[in-house]
Amino acid sequence: MIIDTKGDIRSTVIGPTGVEYRRLANEVMQKALTQANLESGDVLSVTATGYGRISVPFADQEITELSCHAKGVLSLFPEATTIIDIGGQDAKGLKIKDGRLVNFVMNDRCAAGTGRFLEILCSTLGLALDDLGELSAMSTRGIKISNICTIFAQQEIISCLSEGVLLPDIVAGIHEAIANRVSRMVRKIKVESPVVFTGGVARNSGMIIALKKYLRVEILVPENPIITGAIGAAILGRDMFLGGGRNDKVTSSPLSIK
């Protein structure tokens, strides 16, 4: 993502991370520059965040994804006090007080409760991720998925299919299983409204409904919930650069690799 010093987004590139972070970082930078009609010499500062941040060879600074998510969400929802982020690799809850990150919890030891969990179960069901929200809305009797472990959950779903359980009810049960796990995790930091839901899983309407049910609060979702970490990295990188007294250029290129 590239922003200018006013905070306006000039370009955004979204794609799969893959395994070759260094090569990807260069490809993403070039795509972002082309989209913004800029040259590399126009760039003031590059900020890397996410799991691949140490592998961005041209980054001027690396900032943890927790700080970047908090900053990005607060730029969109200044009133936010709780952030729930469910991405492909982890699920986390962030506690905000007086505009600052004060506490967090994270599940990063297994796929349960993450986007990867949904991807694997979608493969089992022969579905696309984009189908889940619409399907779960058709459910009349969501089943209970008792196993959150990916392997056992797959076996349980296959058993449900063999018993003739309807697909919408299975999908609704998957959403509820994840929402139950995530809600129990984030309650450790005391959930308070307004709650902002980010990450790729936040595009799933079924997950939004399931989280509302378990948390019993209204949930806000950014227009593009995938890029909040990148927005935060961009703003933090811009502020660090301009804080040094150099503001003779008008563009900043913070880069988020996840």
Protein backbone atom coordinates (compact mmCIF):
# COMPACT_ATOMS: atom_id res chain seq x y z
CA MET A 1 0.00 0.00 0.00
CA ILE A 2 1.15 3.53 -0.78
CA ILE A 3 -0.26 6.62 0.92
CA ASP A 4 0.66 10.26 0.60
CA THR A 5 1.50 12.52 3.51
CA LYS A 6 -2.15 13.50 3.86
CA GLY A 7 -3.05 9.87 4.45
CA ASP A 8 -4.83 9.37 1.14
CA ILE A 9 -4.35 5.89 -0.33
CA ARG A 10 -2.57 6.03 -3.68
CA SER A 11 -2.45 2.28 -4.37
CA THR A 12 -3.25 -1.06 -2.77
CA VAL A 13 -2.05 -4.49 -3.84
CA ILE A 14 -3.63 -7.61 -2.34
CA GLY A 15 -2.53 -11.16 -3.09
CA PRO A 16 -1.40 -14.48 -1.60
CA THR A 17 1.82 -14.35 0.38
CA GLY A 18 3.39 -17.60 -0.76
CA VAL A 19 6.73 -18.74 0.65
CA GLU A 20 9.30 -16.51 -1.08
CA TYR A 21 8.87 -13.32 0.93
CA ARG A 22 11.81 -11.43 -0.54
CA ARG A 23 10.78 -11.99 -4.13
CA LEU A 24 7.18 -11.18 -3.30
CA ALA A 25 8.14 -7.96 -1.53
CA ASN A 26 9.86 -6.66 -4.65
CA GLU A 27 6.94 -7.69 -6.86
CA VAL A 28 4.40 -6.02 -4.57
CA MET A 29 6.43 -2.82 -4.41
CA GLN A 30 6.67 -2.63 -8.17
CA LYS A 31 2.94 -3.24 -8.63
CA ALA A 32 2.10 -0.61 -6.03
CA LEU A 33 4.39 1.94 -7.67
CA THR A 34 2.95 1.24 -11.12
CA GLN A 35 -0.62 1.55 -9.83
CA ALA A 36 0.22 4.88 -8.17
CA ASN A 37 2.15 6.10 -11.24
CA LEU A 38 5.28 6.63 -9.14
CA GLU A 39 8.97 5.75 -9.32
CA SER A 40 10.99 4.18 -6.54
CA GLY A 41 12.77 7.51 -6.03
CA ASP A 42 9.45 9.10 -5.05
CA VAL A 43 9.23 6.89 -1.99
CA LEU A 44 9.98 8.46 1.36
CA SER A 45 9.78 5.53 3.71
CA VAL A 46 8.95 1.82 3.62
CA THR A 47 7.40 0.10 6.62
CA ALA A 48 7.09 -3.68 6.77
CA THR A 49 4.64 -5.49 9.03
CA GLY A 50 3.12 -8.93 9.45
CA TYR A 51 4.81 -12.33 9.57
CA GLY A 52 7.09 -11.54 6.62
CA ARG A 53 8.30 -8.15 7.82
CA ILE A 54 11.88 -9.30 8.53
CA SER A 55 12.18 -10.48 4.93
CA VAL A 56 11.57 -7.13 3.22
CA PRO A 57 15.12 -6.12 2.25
CA PHE A 58 14.33 -2.48 1.44
CA ALA A 59 12.20 -1.68 4.52
CA ASP A 60 13.25 1.36 6.54
CA GLN A 61 11.54 0.01 9.64
CA GLU A 62 9.62 -3.05 10.83
CA ILE A 63 6.56 -2.65 13.05
CA THR A 64 4.57 -5.45 14.67
CA GLU A 65 1.19 -6.25 13.19
CA LEU A 66 -0.50 -5.59 16.54
CA SER A 67 0.57 -1.95 16.53
CA CYS A 68 -0.30 -1.60 12.86
CA HIS A 69 -3.75 -3.14 13.21
CA ALA A 70 -4.56 -0.89 16.14
CA LYS A 71 -3.40 2.23 14.29
CA GLY A 72 -5.19 1.29 11.11
CA VAL A 73 -8.50 0.56 12.82
CA LEU A 74 -8.34 3.73 14.91
CA SER A 75 -7.80 5.79 11.76
CA LEU A 76 -11.13 4.43 10.48
CA PHE A 77 -13.02 4.08 13.78
CA PRO A 78 -11.53 6.47 16.37
CA GLU A 79 -14.11 5.29 18.91
CA ALA A 80 -13.01 1.60 18.75
CA THR A 81 -12.28 -0.07 22.09
CA THR A 82 -12.05 -3.72 21.02
CA ILE A 83 -10.66 -5.15 17.79
CA ILE A 84 -11.12 -8.73 16.63
CA ASP A 85 -8.88 -9.74 13.75
CA ILE A 86 -9.22 -13.15 12.11
CA GLY A 87 -6.79 -13.75 9.29
CA GLY A 88 -5.44 -16.77 7.50
CA GLN A 89 -2.77 -17.56 10.09
CA ASP A 90 -4.10 -16.37 13.43
CA ALA A 91 -6.96 -14.85 15.37
CA LYS A 92 -6.40 -12.06 17.85
CA GLY A 93 -8.17 -9.60 20.07
CA LEU A 94 -6.85 -6.10 20.77
CA LYS A 95 -7.89 -3.85 23.63
CA ILE A 96 -7.83 -0.10 23.01
CA LYS A 97 -7.98 2.58 25.69
CA ASP A 98 -7.66 6.32 25.08
CA GLY A 99 -6.60 5.61 21.51
CA ARG A 100 -3.75 3.27 22.49
CA LEU A 101 -3.21 -0.49 22.39
CA VAL A 102 -3.12 -1.64 26.01
CA ASN A 103 -3.64 -5.42 25.84
CA PHE A 104 -4.09 -8.29 23.42
CA VAL A 105 -4.72 -12.03 23.14
CA MET A 106 -3.76 -14.24 20.24
CA ASN A 107 -4.34 -17.74 18.93
CA ASP A 108 -1.41 -18.60 16.67
CA ARG A 109 -0.57 -22.19 17.62
CA CYS A 110 -2.99 -24.02 15.34
CA ALA A 111 -5.39 -23.38 12.47
CA ALA A 112 -8.49 -23.55 14.67
CA GLY A 113 -10.43 -20.30 14.65
CA THR A 114 -8.56 -18.88 11.67
CA GLY A 115 -9.14 -18.34 7.98
CA ARG A 116 -7.05 -21.41 7.27
CA PHE A 117 -9.54 -23.49 9.26
CA LEU A 118 -12.32 -22.21 7.00
CA GLU A 119 -10.27 -22.86 3.86
CA ILE A 120 -9.64 -26.49 4.82
CA LEU A 121 -13.28 -27.13 5.66
CA CYS A 122 -14.39 -25.41 2.44
CA SER A 123 -12.18 -27.83 0.55
CA THR A 124 -13.83 -30.72 2.40
CA LEU A 125 -17.27 -29.44 1.40
CA GLY A 126 -16.30 -28.48 -2.13
CA LEU A 127 -17.16 -24.83 -1.54
CA ALA A 128 -15.52 -21.47 -2.16
CA LEU A 129 -14.95 -19.11 0.76
CA ASP A 130 -17.20 -16.51 -0.85
CA ASP A 131 -20.11 -18.99 -0.72
CA LEU A 132 -20.14 -19.37 3.07
CA GLY A 133 -22.04 -16.24 4.12
CA GLU A 134 -24.91 -16.80 1.71
CA LEU A 135 -25.16 -20.49 2.58
CA SER A 136 -25.22 -19.96 6.33
CA ALA A 137 -28.05 -17.44 5.91
CA MET A 138 -30.15 -20.30 4.48
CA SER A 139 -29.71 -22.44 7.59
CA THR A 140 -32.80 -23.36 9.60
CA ARG A 141 -31.06 -25.56 12.16
CA GLY A 142 -27.37 -24.93 12.65
CA ILE A 143 -25.63 -28.03 13.93
CA LYS A 144 -23.03 -28.11 16.67
CA ILE A 145 -19.46 -28.82 15.56
CA SER A 146 -17.96 -30.22 18.75
CA ASN A 147 -14.37 -30.51 17.48
CA ILE A 148 -12.47 -27.30 16.70
CA CYS A 149 -9.31 -29.24 15.79
CA THR A 150 -9.13 -29.13 12.00
CA ILE A 151 -8.64 -32.86 11.42
CA PHE A 152 -11.41 -33.94 13.78
CA ALA A 153 -13.71 -31.20 12.48
CA GLN A 154 -13.23 -32.56 8.95
CA GLN A 155 -14.20 -36.03 10.12
CA GLU A 156 -17.23 -34.67 11.93
CA ILE A 157 -18.37 -32.77 8.83
CA ILE A 158 -17.95 -35.83 6.61
CA SER A 159 -20.07 -37.78 9.10
CA CYS A 160 -22.75 -35.07 8.99
CA LEU A 161 -22.82 -35.20 5.20
CA SER A 162 -23.24 -38.97 5.24
CA GLU A 163 -26.18 -38.54 7.64
CA GLY A 164 -27.89 -36.17 5.24
CA VAL A 165 -27.40 -32.94 7.19
CA LEU A 166 -28.07 -29.98 4.91
CA LEU A 167 -25.07 -27.97 3.71
CA PRO A 168 -26.34 -24.59 5.04
CA ASP A 169 -26.74 -26.12 8.51
CA ILE A 170 -23.19 -27.48 8.41
CA VAL A 171 -21.77 -24.10 7.34
CA ALA A 172 -23.72 -22.29 10.06
CA GLY A 173 -22.35 -24.79 12.57
CA ILE A 174 -18.78 -24.10 11.41
CA HIS A 175 -19.31 -20.35 11.86
CA GLU A 176 -20.71 -20.85 15.34
CA ALA A 177 -17.82 -23.10 16.34
CA ILE A 178 -15.27 -20.45 15.32
CA ALA A 179 -17.29 -17.62 16.88
CA ASN A 180 -17.54 -19.55 20.15
CA ARG A 181 -13.79 -20.15 20.26
CA VAL A 182 -12.85 -16.58 19.33
CA SER A 183 -15.37 -15.00 21.70
CA ARG A 184 -14.04 -17.02 24.64
CA MET A 185 -10.53 -15.89 23.74
CA VAL A 186 -11.30 -12.16 23.43
CA ARG A 187 -13.34 -12.07 26.64
CA LYS A 188 -10.00 -12.36 28.43
CA ILE A 189 -9.36 -8.72 27.54
CA LYS A 190 -12.93 -7.61 28.38
CA VAL A 191 -14.95 -6.95 25.25
CA GLU A 192 -16.48 -3.47 25.10
CA SER A 193 -18.42 -1.68 22.37
CA PRO A 194 -17.75 -0.60 19.78
CA VAL A 195 -16.13 -3.77 18.47
CA VAL A 196 -14.39 -3.65 15.09
CA PHE A 197 -13.97 -6.91 13.13
CA THR A 198 -11.06 -7.08 10.65
CA GLY A 199 -9.14 -9.62 8.61
CA GLY A 200 -10.17 -11.68 5.60
CA VAL A 201 -12.75 -13.62 7.63
CA ALA A 202 -14.56 -10.33 8.34
CA ARG A 203 -15.78 -10.41 4.73
CA ASN A 204 -17.88 -13.44 5.67
CA SER A 205 -21.37 -12.26 6.67
CA GLY A 206 -22.05 -15.56 8.42
CA MET A 207 -19.10 -15.01 10.75
CA ILE A 208 -20.28 -11.49 11.57
CA ILE A 209 -23.71 -12.81 12.57
CA ALA A 210 -22.18 -15.64 14.63
CA LEU A 211 -19.85 -13.28 16.49
CA LYS A 212 -22.73 -10.92 17.27
CA LYS A 213 -24.63 -13.85 18.73
CA TYR A 214 -21.82 -14.92 21.06
CA LEU A 215 -20.52 -11.48 22.04
CA ARG A 216 -23.94 -9.77 22.18
CA VAL A 217 -22.56 -6.50 20.86
CA GLU A 218 -22.82 -4.54 17.65
CA ILE A 219 -19.89 -5.25 15.32
CA LEU A 220 -18.41 -2.71 12.91
CA VAL A 221 -16.59 -3.90 9.78
CA PRO A 222 -14.35 -1.69 7.60
CA GLU A 223 -15.17 -1.41 3.91
CA ASN A 224 -12.02 -3.45 3.20
CA PRO A 225 -11.18 -5.37 6.39
CA ILE A 226 -8.09 -6.99 4.86
CA ILE A 227 -5.98 -3.83 4.65
CA THR A 228 -6.30 -2.31 8.13
CA GLY A 229 -2.83 -3.54 9.13
CA ALA A 230 -1.34 -2.05 5.96
CA ILE A 231 -3.12 1.25 6.61
CA GLY A 232 -1.67 1.33 10.12
CA ALA A 233 1.82 0.54 8.85
CA ALA A 234 1.49 3.31 6.29
CA ILE A 235 0.39 5.89 8.85
CA LEU A 236 3.05 4.91 11.38
CA GLY A 237 5.74 5.00 8.72
CA ARG A 238 4.60 8.41 7.50
CA ASP A 239 4.49 9.80 11.04
CA MET A 240 7.96 8.46 11.85
CA PHE A 241 9.40 10.03 8.72
CA LEU A 242 7.72 13.39 9.06
CA GLY A 243 8.58 13.44 12.74
CA GLY A 244 12.20 13.66 11.71
CA GLY A 245 11.54 17.03 10.14
CA ARG A 246 11.82 15.91 6.51
CA ASN A 247 8.67 16.71 4.60
CA ASP A 248 9.90 17.96 1.26
CA LYS A 249 8.22 15.16 -0.68
CA VAL A 250 4.57 14.22 -0.88
CA THR A 251 4.49 10.41 -0.99
CA SER A 252 5.10 7.64 1.48
CA SER A 253 5.23 3.92 0.69
CA PRO A 254 4.64 1.70 3.68
CA LEU A 255 4.50 -1.94 2.66
CA SER A 256 2.61 -4.73 4.43
CA ILE A 257 3.63 -8.34 3.83
CA LYS A 258 1.54 -10.99 5.55
